[in-house]
Amino acid sequence: MKIVQVGVGKMGRAWMKAFATTEDVELAGIVEPVVANREWAMAEYGLVPSQCFDSVDAALVMPRWDAAVIVTPPPSHYPLAGQLLRAGKHVLLEKPLATSIEDARALVGIAEETGRTLMVAQNYRYHDAFSAVRPLVASGRIGTVRAVNIQFQKDGRTIFGEGDFRYAMKHVLLVDMSIHHFDMVRAMLGTNPERVYAQTWHVPGGVFEFDAAASVLITMEDGALVSYVGNWAAFDRETSWNGDWEIVGDRGRIVWAGGDFTDAGITVREWGKEPDRITFEPLVKGGQLGLLEAFASAIASGTHPETAAADNVHSLGIVFAAVESAETGQVVQLG
């Protein structure tokens, strides 16, 4: 399957690396408005000028390619994905699916109308540690999950380059980062949210113009309570990108903290028993590689990928419910 990548900036370069190390798909070309980035792609990955375009319109003139990976700032996701779907291309795009729930649902509708696959790059589902914790929860070893506590902390001053678009985003933590954690909760518990309450705050001395910290309480449809505290302007202890998790069941709990991959610490603590430290192997294909393989497999088989946009709307719904709750001070009902 031949794919055109739209956007080869900072995050786009991670995707370029993934294309270079997989045989599941072929990189047919790129779309990138910045000349220096196009020149970088040609120098690093052997692309020729006829494969490098400054717009999607220009790329659509090129024959014989099947799909696109969109790695651009969030406001461009809706127009770009809509254009590509209507042009008959399958689309895998970086999160968030869209910057409003209405646009997200509209994209799902376009994908259904055109018969194309629309998938969201929720790559945290393809991390080593998550892939080890998820089956532990599903096994019932800790019983029915009653609560999930998540803490996430990163120092935004050290993450992005000068002038990054995130620094001026409203609700940047919720929209650009927390979507990963909310999506993992849904996947782990196998249920959708029922209601959401959130508060956000501005951390003095940080690099973000608007609130970059939040506390969110999510009630799932099965009654499980999710308590989430995130801070993208932390000046103290940082967590991994996955965050620190405590999953509490009626027969025990799972504690997950530490690194992002096989350096993560996962411990099962069943009531009345000794703690059990879990060991696990790395995924053969994780992160972007796992996403590309799942995308190609879904298209080839005509099935829906795990992170299809139609499913992702439920994760994105938590984000926008949290934003609404933070702005109104009210509990937001979903479903």
C-alpha atoms as a PDB file:
ATOM      1  CA  MET A   1       0.000   0.000   0.000  1.00  0.00           C
ATOM      2  CA  LYS A   2       1.328   3.421  -0.981  1.00  0.00           C
ATOM      3  CA  ILE A   3       0.945   6.303   1.470  1.00  0.00           C
ATOM      4  CA  VAL A   4       1.580  10.042   1.261  1.00  0.00           C
ATOM      5  CA  GLN A   5       2.570  11.738   4.526  1.00  0.00           C
ATOM      6  CA  VAL A   6       1.109  15.192   5.088  1.00  0.00           C
ATOM      7  CA  GLY A   7       3.413  17.184   7.377  1.00  0.00           C
ATOM      8  CA  VAL A   8       7.080  16.444   8.119  1.00  0.00           C
ATOM      9  CA  GLY A   9       7.724  18.834  10.999  1.00  0.00           C
ATOM     10  CA  LYS A  10       8.822  17.701  14.457  1.00  0.00           C
ATOM     11  CA  MET A  11       6.273  14.909  14.939  1.00  0.00           C
ATOM     12  CA  GLY A  12       6.306  14.173  11.240  1.00  0.00           C
ATOM     13  CA  ARG A  13       9.935  13.140  11.459  1.00  0.00           C
ATOM     14  CA  ALA A  14       9.040  10.327  13.860  1.00  0.00           C
ATOM     15  CA  TRP A  15       6.588   9.054  11.259  1.00  0.00           C
ATOM     16  CA  MET A  16       9.224   9.303   8.516  1.00  0.00           C
ATOM     17  CA  LYS A  17      11.474   7.104  10.629  1.00  0.00           C
ATOM     18  CA  ALA A  18       8.670   4.565  11.011  1.00  0.00           C
ATOM     19  CA  PHE A  19       8.125   4.427   7.252  1.00  0.00           C
ATOM     20  CA  ALA A  20      11.837   3.767   6.790  1.00  0.00           C
ATOM     21  CA  THR A  21      11.751   0.744   9.108  1.00  0.00           C
ATOM     22  CA  THR A  22       8.619  -1.082   7.943  1.00  0.00           C
ATOM     23  CA  GLU A  23       7.743  -3.276   4.992  1.00  0.00           C
ATOM     24  CA  ASP A  24       3.999  -3.092   5.676  1.00  0.00           C
ATOM     25  CA  VAL A  25       3.561   0.081   3.619  1.00  0.00           C
ATOM     26  CA  GLU A  26       5.478   2.264   1.165  1.00  0.00           C
ATOM     27  CA  LEU A  27       6.014   6.013   1.488  1.00  0.00           C
ATOM     28  CA  ALA A  28       4.944   7.353  -1.899  1.00  0.00           C
ATOM     29  CA  GLY A  29       5.529  11.021  -1.170  1.00  0.00           C
ATOM     30  CA  ILE A  30       5.119  13.929   1.226  1.00  0.00           C
ATOM     31  CA  VAL A  31       3.147  17.143   1.509  1.00  0.00           C
ATOM     32  CA  GLU A  32       4.992  19.913   3.336  1.00  0.00           C
ATOM     33  CA  PRO A  33       4.672  23.687   2.782  1.00  0.00           C
ATOM     34  CA  VAL A  34       8.046  24.525   4.361  1.00  0.00           C
ATOM     35  CA  VAL A  35      10.831  24.248   1.786  1.00  0.00           C
ATOM     36  CA  ALA A  36      13.507  23.400   4.372  1.00  0.00           C
ATOM     37  CA  ASN A  37      11.449  20.458   5.619  1.00  0.00           C
ATOM     38  CA  ARG A  38      10.966  19.123   2.089  1.00  0.00           C
ATOM     39  CA  GLU A  39      14.705  19.405   1.475  1.00  0.00           C
ATOM     40  CA  TRP A  40      15.372  17.570   4.746  1.00  0.00           C
ATOM     41  CA  ALA A  41      13.055  14.717   3.701  1.00  0.00           C
ATOM     42  CA  MET A  42      14.802  14.386   0.352  1.00  0.00           C
ATOM     43  CA  ALA A  43      18.255  14.397   1.926  1.00  0.00           C
ATOM     44  CA  GLU A  44      17.421  11.989   4.759  1.00  0.00           C
ATOM     45  CA  TYR A  45      15.124   9.510   3.016  1.00  0.00           C
ATOM     46  CA  GLY A  46      16.045   9.662  -0.651  1.00  0.00           C
ATOM     47  CA  LEU A  47      12.822  11.207  -1.910  1.00  0.00           C
ATOM     48  CA  VAL A  48      12.956  13.009  -5.249  1.00  0.00           C
ATOM     49  CA  PRO A  49      11.293  16.352  -6.079  1.00  0.00           C
ATOM     50  CA  SER A  50       8.448  14.637  -7.954  1.00  0.00           C
ATOM     51  CA  GLN A  51       7.438  13.002  -4.645  1.00  0.00           C
ATOM     52  CA  CYS A  52       7.435  16.218  -2.611  1.00  0.00           C
ATOM     53  CA  PHE A  53       4.500  18.618  -2.718  1.00  0.00           C
ATOM     54  CA  ASP A  54       3.589  21.901  -1.073  1.00  0.00           C
ATOM     55  CA  SER A  55      -0.150  21.140  -0.869  1.00  0.00           C
ATOM     56  CA  VAL A  56      -2.613  18.260  -0.820  1.00  0.00           C
ATOM     57  CA  ASP A  57      -4.087  19.570  -4.080  1.00  0.00           C
ATOM     58  CA  ALA A  58      -0.711  19.110  -5.759  1.00  0.00           C
ATOM     59  CA  ALA A  59      -0.228  15.624  -4.293  1.00  0.00           C
ATOM     60  CA  LEU A  60      -3.625  14.458  -5.536  1.00  0.00           C
ATOM     61  CA  VAL A  61      -2.396  14.922  -9.106  1.00  0.00           C
ATOM     62  CA  MET A  62       0.182  12.170  -8.521  1.00  0.00           C
ATOM     63  CA  PRO A  63      -1.258   8.805  -9.642  1.00  0.00           C
ATOM     64  CA  ARG A  64      -1.383   5.449  -7.864  1.00  0.00           C
ATOM     65  CA  TRP A  65      -1.377   6.064  -4.137  1.00  0.00           C
ATOM     66  CA  ASP A  66      -3.881   4.749  -1.633  1.00  0.00           C
ATOM     67  CA  ALA A  67      -3.803   6.572   1.678  1.00  0.00           C
ATOM     68  CA  ALA A  68      -2.500   9.494   3.697  1.00  0.00           C
ATOM     69  CA  VAL A  69      -1.009   9.985   7.131  1.00  0.00           C
ATOM     70  CA  ILE A  70      -1.774  13.475   8.469  1.00  0.00           C
ATOM     71  CA  VAL A  71       0.786  14.912  10.910  1.00  0.00           C
ATOM     72  CA  THR A  72      -0.177  18.582  11.071  1.00  0.00           C
ATOM     73  CA  PRO A  73      -1.463  21.016  13.746  1.00  0.00           C
ATOM     74  CA  PRO A  74      -4.977  20.159  15.034  1.00  0.00           C
ATOM     75  CA  PRO A  75      -6.959  22.965  13.297  1.00  0.00           C
ATOM     76  CA  SER A  76      -5.984  21.516   9.902  1.00  0.00           C
ATOM     77  CA  HIS A  77      -7.168  17.970  10.642  1.00  0.00           C
ATOM     78  CA  TYR A  78     -10.811  18.441   9.681  1.00  0.00           C
ATOM     79  CA  PRO A  79     -10.296  20.153   6.295  1.00  0.00           C
ATOM     80  CA  LEU A  80      -7.377  17.947   5.257  1.00  0.00           C
ATOM     81  CA  ALA A  81      -8.975  14.656   6.276  1.00  0.00           C
ATOM     82  CA  GLY A  82     -12.262  15.628   4.648  1.00  0.00           C
ATOM     83  CA  GLN A  83     -10.534  16.545   1.388  1.00  0.00           C
ATOM     84  CA  LEU A  84      -8.525  13.326   1.271  1.00  0.00           C
ATOM     85  CA  LEU A  85     -11.478  11.076   2.131  1.00  0.00           C
ATOM     86  CA  ARG A  86     -13.570  12.676  -0.599  1.00  0.00           C
ATOM     87  CA  ALA A  87     -10.672  12.131  -3.008  1.00  0.00           C
ATOM     88  CA  GLY A  88     -10.926   8.399  -2.279  1.00  0.00           C
ATOM     89  CA  LYS A  89      -7.951   8.098   0.064  1.00  0.00           C
ATOM     90  CA  HIS A  90      -7.875   6.195   3.341  1.00  0.00           C
ATOM     91  CA  VAL A  91      -6.683   8.424   6.193  1.00  0.00           C
ATOM     92  CA  LEU A  92      -4.656   7.889   9.358  1.00  0.00           C
ATOM     93  CA  LEU A  93      -4.298  11.133  11.274  1.00  0.00           C
ATOM     94  CA  GLU A  94      -2.629  12.306  14.429  1.00  0.00           C
ATOM     95  CA  LYS A  95      -4.828  13.110  17.396  1.00  0.00           C
ATOM     96  CA  PRO A  96      -7.013  14.941  18.004  1.00  0.00           C
ATOM     97  CA  LEU A  97      -9.421  13.763  15.323  1.00  0.00           C
ATOM     98  CA  ALA A  98     -10.817  17.305  15.151  1.00  0.00           C
ATOM     99  CA  THR A  99     -11.041  20.455  17.240  1.00  0.00           C
ATOM    100  CA  SER A 100     -14.778  20.063  17.899  1.00  0.00           C
ATOM    101  CA  ILE A 101     -17.013  17.072  18.468  1.00  0.00           C
ATOM    102  CA  GLU A 102     -19.228  18.255  15.593  1.00  0.00           C
ATOM    103  CA  ASP A 103     -16.306  18.201  13.147  1.00  0.00           C
ATOM    104  CA  ALA A 104     -15.212  14.800  14.470  1.00  0.00           C
ATOM    105  CA  ARG A 105     -18.656  13.316  13.857  1.00  0.00           C
ATOM    106  CA  ALA A 106     -18.764  14.936  10.431  1.00  0.00           C
ATOM    107  CA  LEU A 107     -15.494  13.218   9.488  1.00  0.00           C
ATOM    108  CA  VAL A 108     -16.878   9.877  10.660  1.00  0.00           C
ATOM    109  CA  GLY A 109     -19.861  10.503   8.388  1.00  0.00           C
ATOM    110  CA  ILE A 110     -17.636  11.333   5.411  1.00  0.00           C
ATOM    111  CA  ALA A 111     -15.635   8.132   5.959  1.00  0.00           C
ATOM    112  CA  GLU A 112     -18.851   6.102   6.021  1.00  0.00           C
ATOM    113  CA  GLU A 113     -20.197   7.813   2.894  1.00  0.00           C
ATOM    114  CA  THR A 114     -16.983   7.287   0.929  1.00  0.00           C
ATOM    115  CA  GLY A 115     -16.279   3.784   2.215  1.00  0.00           C
ATOM    116  CA  ARG A 116     -12.779   4.812   3.291  1.00  0.00           C
ATOM    117  CA  THR A 117     -10.921   3.904   6.482  1.00  0.00           C
ATOM    118  CA  LEU A 118     -10.451   6.799   8.909  1.00  0.00           C
ATOM    119  CA  MET A 119      -8.163   5.967  11.829  1.00  0.00           C
ATOM    120  CA  VAL A 120      -6.738   8.080  14.654  1.00  0.00           C
ATOM    121  CA  ALA A 121      -3.117   7.647  15.759  1.00  0.00           C
ATOM    122  CA  GLN A 122      -3.739   6.799  19.411  1.00  0.00           C
ATOM    123  CA  ASN A 123      -0.245   5.361  19.645  1.00  0.00           C
ATOM    124  CA  TYR A 124      -0.337   4.908  23.428  1.00  0.00           C
ATOM    125  CA  ARG A 125      -2.482   1.815  22.859  1.00  0.00           C
ATOM    126  CA  TYR A 126       0.611   0.454  21.125  1.00  0.00           C
ATOM    127  CA  HIS A 127       3.023   1.045  24.022  1.00  0.00           C
ATOM    128  CA  ASP A 128       4.686  -1.916  25.731  1.00  0.00           C
ATOM    129  CA  ALA A 129       3.417  -1.245  29.251  1.00  0.00           C
ATOM    130  CA  PHE A 130      -0.175  -0.531  28.242  1.00  0.00           C
ATOM    131  CA  SER A 131      -0.212  -3.753  26.250  1.00  0.00           C
ATOM    132  CA  ALA A 132       0.838  -5.572  29.436  1.00  0.00           C
ATOM    133  CA  VAL A 133      -1.602  -3.839  31.809  1.00  0.00           C
ATOM    134  CA  ARG A 134      -4.672  -4.125  29.595  1.00  0.00           C
ATOM    135  CA  PRO A 135      -4.915  -7.954  29.640  1.00  0.00           C
ATOM    136  CA  LEU A 136      -4.306  -7.965  33.404  1.00  0.00           C
ATOM    137  CA  VAL A 137      -7.429  -5.863  33.862  1.00  0.00           C
ATOM    138  CA  ALA A 138      -9.401  -7.976  31.378  1.00  0.00           C
ATOM    139  CA  SER A 139      -8.371 -11.205  33.131  1.00  0.00           C
ATOM    140  CA  GLY A 140     -10.423 -10.271  36.192  1.00  0.00           C
ATOM    141  CA  ARG A 141      -7.473 -10.829  38.483  1.00  0.00           C
ATOM    142  CA  ILE A 142      -8.345  -7.732  40.542  1.00  0.00           C
ATOM    143  CA  GLY A 143     -12.071  -8.245  40.093  1.00  0.00           C
ATOM    144  CA  THR A 144     -14.453  -5.591  38.859  1.00  0.00           C
ATOM    145  CA  VAL A 145     -12.703  -2.247  38.462  1.00  0.00           C
ATOM    146  CA  ARG A 146     -14.200   0.341  40.797  1.00  0.00           C
ATOM    147  CA  ALA A 147     -11.780   3.247  40.359  1.00  0.00           C
ATOM    148  CA  VAL A 148      -8.802   4.419  38.314  1.00  0.00           C
ATOM    149  CA  ASN A 149      -6.413   7.120  39.553  1.00  0.00           C
ATOM    150  CA  ILE A 150      -4.062   8.734  37.036  1.00  0.00           C
ATOM    151  CA  GLN A 151      -1.414  11.398  37.596  1.00  0.00           C
ATOM    152  CA  PHE A 152       0.488  12.946  34.691  1.00  0.00           C
ATOM    153  CA  GLN A 153       3.216  15.612  34.986  1.00  0.00           C
ATOM    154  CA  LYS A 154       5.624  17.052  32.427  1.00  0.00           C
ATOM    155  CA  ASP A 155       7.557  20.315  32.252  1.00  0.00           C
ATOM    156  CA  GLY A 156       6.451  22.032  29.055  1.00  0.00           C
ATOM    157  CA  ARG A 157       9.532  24.252  29.024  1.00  0.00           C
ATOM    158  CA  THR A 158      11.672  21.245  28.080  1.00  0.00           C
ATOM    159  CA  ILE A 159       9.362  19.512  25.600  1.00  0.00           C
ATOM    160  CA  PHE A 160       8.738  21.713  22.571  1.00  0.00           C
ATOM    161  CA  GLY A 161      10.758  24.188  20.567  1.00  0.00           C
ATOM    162  CA  GLU A 162      10.504  27.955  20.736  1.00  0.00           C
ATOM    163  CA  GLY A 163       7.233  29.302  19.371  1.00  0.00           C
ATOM    164  CA  ASP A 164       5.486  25.919  19.319  1.00  0.00           C
ATOM    165  CA  PHE A 165       1.773  26.192  18.470  1.00  0.00           C
ATOM    166  CA  ARG A 166       0.823  24.451  21.727  1.00  0.00           C
ATOM    167  CA  TYR A 167       1.979  27.394  23.827  1.00  0.00           C
ATOM    168  CA  ALA A 168      -0.977  29.460  22.576  1.00  0.00           C
ATOM    169  CA  MET A 169      -3.603  26.682  22.616  1.00  0.00           C
ATOM    170  CA  LYS A 170      -6.593  26.949  24.921  1.00  0.00           C
ATOM    171  CA  HIS A 171      -7.014  23.879  27.142  1.00  0.00           C
ATOM    172  CA  VAL A 172      -3.750  22.578  25.691  1.00  0.00           C
ATOM    173  CA  LEU A 173      -3.338  19.727  28.176  1.00  0.00           C
ATOM    174  CA  LEU A 174      -6.849  18.373  27.675  1.00  0.00           C
ATOM    175  CA  VAL A 175      -6.948  18.733  23.897  1.00  0.00           C
ATOM    176  CA  ASP A 176      -3.403  17.796  22.909  1.00  0.00           C
ATOM    177  CA  MET A 177      -2.284  15.371  25.625  1.00  0.00           C
ATOM    178  CA  SER A 178      -5.026  14.081  27.912  1.00  0.00           C
ATOM    179  CA  ILE A 179      -6.782  12.528  24.925  1.00  0.00           C
ATOM    180  CA  HIS A 180      -4.145   9.761  25.177  1.00  0.00           C
ATOM    181  CA  HIS A 181      -4.960   8.995  28.804  1.00  0.00           C
ATOM    182  CA  PHE A 182      -8.722   9.194  28.290  1.00  0.00           C
ATOM    183  CA  ASP A 183      -8.428   6.847  25.315  1.00  0.00           C
ATOM    184  CA  MET A 184      -6.363   4.369  27.332  1.00  0.00           C
ATOM    185  CA  VAL A 185      -8.972   4.362  30.112  1.00  0.00           C
ATOM    186  CA  ARG A 186     -11.739   3.520  27.652  1.00  0.00           C
ATOM    187  CA  ALA A 187      -9.697   0.772  26.032  1.00  0.00           C
ATOM    188  CA  MET A 188      -8.591  -0.670  29.364  1.00  0.00           C
ATOM    189  CA  LEU A 189     -12.047  -0.748  30.955  1.00  0.00           C
ATOM    190  CA  GLY A 190     -13.953  -1.600  27.791  1.00  0.00           C
ATOM    191  CA  THR A 191     -16.629   0.964  28.538  1.00  0.00           C
ATOM    192  CA  ASN A 192     -17.536   4.531  27.630  1.00  0.00           C
ATOM    193  CA  PRO A 193     -17.933   7.679  29.751  1.00  0.00           C
ATOM    194  CA  GLU A 194     -21.267   8.716  31.228  1.00  0.00           C
ATOM    195  CA  ARG A 195     -20.479  12.092  32.788  1.00  0.00           C
ATOM    196  CA  VAL A 196     -17.500  14.395  33.306  1.00  0.00           C
ATOM    197  CA  TYR A 197     -16.564  17.155  35.742  1.00  0.00           C
ATOM    198  CA  ALA A 198     -13.354  19.180  35.347  1.00  0.00           C
ATOM    199  CA  GLN A 199     -11.448  22.164  36.654  1.00  0.00           C
ATOM    200  CA  THR A 200      -8.357  23.697  35.075  1.00  0.00           C
ATOM    201  CA  TRP A 201      -5.795  26.224  36.254  1.00  0.00           C
ATOM    202  CA  HIS A 202      -2.948  28.344  34.973  1.00  0.00           C
ATOM    203  CA  VAL A 203       0.502  27.537  36.349  1.00  0.00           C
ATOM    204  CA  PRO A 204       2.540  30.730  36.956  1.00  0.00           C
ATOM    205  CA  GLY A 205       5.956  30.916  35.346  1.00  0.00           C
ATOM    206  CA  GLY A 206       5.221  28.380  32.623  1.00  0.00           C
ATOM    207  CA  VAL A 207       5.396  28.741  28.855  1.00  0.00           C
ATOM    208  CA  PHE A 208       1.690  28.227  28.185  1.00  0.00           C
ATOM    209  CA  GLU A 209      -0.580  31.221  27.604  1.00  0.00           C
ATOM    210  CA  PHE A 210      -3.668  29.429  28.901  1.00  0.00           C
ATOM    211  CA  ASP A 211      -4.472  26.771  31.521  1.00  0.00           C
ATOM    212  CA  ALA A 212      -2.108  23.808  31.212  1.00  0.00           C
ATOM    213  CA  ALA A 213      -3.177  21.856  34.299  1.00  0.00           C
ATOM    214  CA  ALA A 214      -6.435  20.052  34.995  1.00  0.00           C
ATOM    215  CA  SER A 215      -8.296  17.819  37.408  1.00  0.00           C
ATOM    216  CA  VAL A 216     -10.982  15.637  35.805  1.00  0.00           C
ATOM    217  CA  LEU A 217     -13.482  13.222  37.342  1.00  0.00           C
ATOM    218  CA  ILE A 218     -15.046  10.775  34.890  1.00  0.00           C
ATOM    219  CA  THR A 219     -17.894   8.410  35.703  1.00  0.00           C
ATOM    220  CA  MET A 220     -17.947   5.460  33.299  1.00  0.00           C
ATOM    221  CA  GLU A 221     -21.109   3.703  32.143  1.00  0.00           C
ATOM    222  CA  ASP A 222     -20.360   0.714  34.386  1.00  0.00           C
ATOM    223  CA  GLY A 223     -20.013   2.975  37.439  1.00  0.00           C
ATOM    224  CA  ALA A 224     -16.208   2.997  37.634  1.00  0.00           C
ATOM    225  CA  LEU A 225     -14.778   6.360  38.716  1.00  0.00           C
ATOM    226  CA  VAL A 226     -11.711   7.803  36.982  1.00  0.00           C
ATOM    227  CA  SER A 227      -9.753  10.534  38.777  1.00  0.00           C
ATOM    228  CA  TYR A 228      -7.280  12.292  36.486  1.00  0.00           C
ATOM    229  CA  VAL A 229      -4.816  15.024  37.456  1.00  0.00           C
ATOM    230  CA  GLY A 230      -2.578  16.364  34.714  1.00  0.00           C
ATOM    231  CA  ASN A 231      -0.031  19.181  34.552  1.00  0.00           C
ATOM    232  CA  TRP A 232       1.945  20.191  31.492  1.00  0.00           C
ATOM    233  CA  ALA A 233       3.705  22.992  33.359  1.00  0.00           C
ATOM    234  CA  ALA A 234       5.121  20.936  36.216  1.00  0.00           C
ATOM    235  CA  PHE A 235       8.270  22.272  37.879  1.00  0.00           C
ATOM    236  CA  ASP A 236       8.803  19.276  40.126  1.00  0.00           C
ATOM    237  CA  ARG A 237       8.675  15.504  39.662  1.00  0.00           C
ATOM    238  CA  GLU A 238       7.800  14.362  36.152  1.00  0.00           C
ATOM    239  CA  THR A 239       5.950  11.158  35.336  1.00  0.00           C
ATOM    240  CA  SER A 240       6.353   9.087  32.203  1.00  0.00           C
ATOM    241  CA  TRP A 241       4.250  10.048  29.193  1.00  0.00           C
ATOM    242  CA  ASN A 242       1.854   7.281  30.166  1.00  0.00           C
ATOM    243  CA  GLY A 243       1.486   8.768  33.655  1.00  0.00           C
ATOM    244  CA  ASP A 244       1.255   6.958  36.983  1.00  0.00           C
ATOM    245  CA  TRP A 245      -1.778   4.690  37.344  1.00  0.00           C
ATOM    246  CA  GLU A 246      -3.607   2.921  40.151  1.00  0.00           C
ATOM    247  CA  ILE A 247      -6.414   0.624  38.995  1.00  0.00           C
ATOM    248  CA  VAL A 248      -8.559  -0.441  41.943  1.00  0.00           C
ATOM    249  CA  GLY A 249     -10.759  -3.533  41.789  1.00  0.00           C
ATOM    250  CA  ASP A 250     -12.860  -5.301  44.395  1.00  0.00           C
ATOM    251  CA  ARG A 251     -10.213  -8.052  44.718  1.00  0.00           C
ATOM    252  CA  GLY A 252      -7.036  -5.967  44.459  1.00  0.00           C
ATOM    253  CA  ARG A 253      -5.276  -3.257  42.523  1.00  0.00           C
ATOM    254  CA  ILE A 254      -2.728  -2.744  39.780  1.00  0.00           C
ATOM    255  CA  VAL A 255      -0.063  -0.070  40.217  1.00  0.00           C
ATOM    256  CA  TRP A 256       1.650   1.105  37.033  1.00  0.00           C
ATOM    257  CA  ALA A 257       4.389   3.742  37.128  1.00  0.00           C
ATOM    258  CA  GLY A 258       7.923   4.439  35.960  1.00  0.00           C
ATOM    259  CA  GLY A 259       9.047   4.452  32.344  1.00  0.00           C
ATOM    260  CA  ASP A 260       7.108   4.468  29.102  1.00  0.00           C
ATOM    261  CA  PHE A 261       8.200   1.121  27.777  1.00  0.00           C
ATOM    262  CA  THR A 262       9.708  -2.038  29.318  1.00  0.00           C
ATOM    263  CA  ASP A 263      11.251   0.087  32.080  1.00  0.00           C
ATOM    264  CA  ALA A 264       7.761   0.638  33.502  1.00  0.00           C
ATOM    265  CA  GLY A 265       6.944  -0.897  36.869  1.00  0.00           C
ATOM    266  CA  ILE A 266       3.719  -2.924  36.969  1.00  0.00           C
ATOM    267  CA  THR A 267       2.654  -4.544  40.242  1.00  0.00           C
ATOM    268  CA  VAL A 268      -0.493  -6.521  41.032  1.00  0.00           C
ATOM    269  CA  ARG A 269      -1.547  -6.289  44.673  1.00  0.00           C
ATOM    270  CA  GLU A 270      -4.353  -8.753  45.385  1.00  0.00           C
ATOM    271  CA  TRP A 271      -5.928  -8.293  48.797  1.00  0.00           C
ATOM    272  CA  GLY A 272      -4.279 -10.606  51.339  1.00  0.00           C
ATOM    273  CA  LYS A 273      -1.468 -11.711  48.997  1.00  0.00           C
ATOM    274  CA  GLU A 274       2.129 -10.700  48.374  1.00  0.00           C
ATOM    275  CA  PRO A 275       2.675  -8.070  45.650  1.00  0.00           C
ATOM    276  CA  ASP A 276       3.396  -9.574  42.221  1.00  0.00           C
ATOM    277  CA  ARG A 277       5.827  -7.584  40.048  1.00  0.00           C
ATOM    278  CA  ILE A 278       4.905  -8.201  36.404  1.00  0.00           C
ATOM    279  CA  THR A 279       7.559  -8.737  33.746  1.00  0.00           C
ATOM    280  CA  PHE A 280       6.738  -8.341  30.069  1.00  0.00           C
ATOM    281  CA  GLU A 281       8.365  -8.308  26.653  1.00  0.00           C
ATOM    282  CA  PRO A 282       8.499  -5.327  24.299  1.00  0.00           C
ATOM    283  CA  LEU A 283       6.071  -5.254  21.416  1.00  0.00           C
ATOM    284  CA  VAL A 284       7.510  -6.397  18.110  1.00  0.00           C
ATOM    285  CA  LYS A 285       5.834  -3.421  16.479  1.00  0.00           C
ATOM    286  CA  GLY A 286       4.835  -0.616  18.811  1.00  0.00           C
ATOM    287  CA  GLY A 287       4.112   3.086  18.441  1.00  0.00           C
ATOM    288  CA  GLN A 288       3.938   4.360  14.870  1.00  0.00           C
ATOM    289  CA  LEU A 289       4.982   0.971  13.481  1.00  0.00           C
ATOM    290  CA  GLY A 290       2.056  -0.682  15.219  1.00  0.00           C
ATOM    291  CA  LEU A 291      -0.310   1.977  13.940  1.00  0.00           C
ATOM    292  CA  LEU A 292       0.883   1.627  10.342  1.00  0.00           C
ATOM    293  CA  GLU A 293       0.537  -2.159  10.486  1.00  0.00           C
ATOM    294  CA  ALA A 294      -2.976  -1.923  11.960  1.00  0.00           C
ATOM    295  CA  PHE A 295      -3.963   0.679   9.354  1.00  0.00           C
ATOM    296  CA  ALA A 296      -2.718  -1.414   6.439  1.00  0.00           C
ATOM    297  CA  SER A 297      -4.278  -4.583   7.850  1.00  0.00           C
ATOM    298  CA  ALA A 298      -7.690  -2.951   8.302  1.00  0.00           C
ATOM    299  CA  ILE A 299      -7.698  -1.636   4.744  1.00  0.00           C
ATOM    300  CA  ALA A 300      -6.601  -4.975   3.285  1.00  0.00           C
ATOM    301  CA  SER A 301      -9.209  -6.947   5.245  1.00  0.00           C
ATOM    302  CA  GLY A 302     -12.028  -4.422   5.020  1.00  0.00           C
ATOM    303  CA  THR A 303     -12.381  -4.366   8.808  1.00  0.00           C
ATOM    304  CA  HIS A 304     -12.439  -1.495  11.301  1.00  0.00           C
ATOM    305  CA  PRO A 305      -9.125  -0.744  13.062  1.00  0.00           C
ATOM    306  CA  GLU A 306      -9.132  -0.589  16.857  1.00  0.00           C
ATOM    307  CA  THR A 307      -8.679   3.179  16.865  1.00  0.00           C
ATOM    308  CA  ALA A 308     -11.139   3.899  14.068  1.00  0.00           C
ATOM    309  CA  ALA A 309     -12.517   7.425  14.151  1.00  0.00           C
ATOM    310  CA  ALA A 310     -15.992   6.074  14.935  1.00  0.00           C
ATOM    311  CA  ASP A 311     -14.590   4.657  18.184  1.00  0.00           C
ATOM    312  CA  ASN A 312     -12.313   7.601  18.884  1.00  0.00           C
ATOM    313  CA  VAL A 313     -15.267   9.979  19.022  1.00  0.00           C
ATOM    314  CA  HIS A 314     -15.985   8.551  22.496  1.00  0.00           C
ATOM    315  CA  SER A 315     -12.454   9.404  23.703  1.00  0.00           C
ATOM    316  CA  LEU A 316     -12.644  12.849  22.151  1.00  0.00           C
ATOM    317  CA  GLY A 317     -16.037  13.282  23.783  1.00  0.00           C
ATOM    318  CA  ILE A 318     -14.344  13.139  27.193  1.00  0.00           C
ATOM    319  CA  VAL A 319     -11.967  15.912  26.116  1.00  0.00           C
ATOM    320  CA  PHE A 320     -14.690  18.293  24.998  1.00  0.00           C
ATOM    321  CA  ALA A 321     -16.892  17.432  27.967  1.00  0.00           C
ATOM    322  CA  ALA A 322     -13.960  18.303  30.244  1.00  0.00           C
ATOM    323  CA  VAL A 323     -13.437  21.582  28.390  1.00  0.00           C
ATOM    324  CA  GLU A 324     -17.143  22.429  28.689  1.00  0.00           C
ATOM    325  CA  SER A 325     -17.191  21.509  32.368  1.00  0.00           C
ATOM    326  CA  ALA A 326     -14.090  23.602  33.098  1.00  0.00           C
ATOM    327  CA  GLU A 327     -15.644  26.607  31.366  1.00  0.00           C
ATOM    328  CA  THR A 328     -19.130  26.302  32.892  1.00  0.00           C
ATOM    329  CA  GLY A 329     -18.396  24.732  36.277  1.00  0.00           C
ATOM    330  CA  GLN A 330     -21.072  22.114  35.572  1.00  0.00           C
ATOM    331  CA  VAL A 331     -21.118  18.326  35.309  1.00  0.00           C
ATOM    332  CA  VAL A 332     -21.476  17.340  31.635  1.00  0.00           C
ATOM    333  CA  GLN A 333     -23.570  14.311  30.711  1.00  0.00           C
ATOM    334  CA  LEU A 334     -22.498  12.150  27.763  1.00  0.00           C
ATOM    335  CA  GLY A 335     -24.214   9.458  25.738  1.00  0.00           C
END
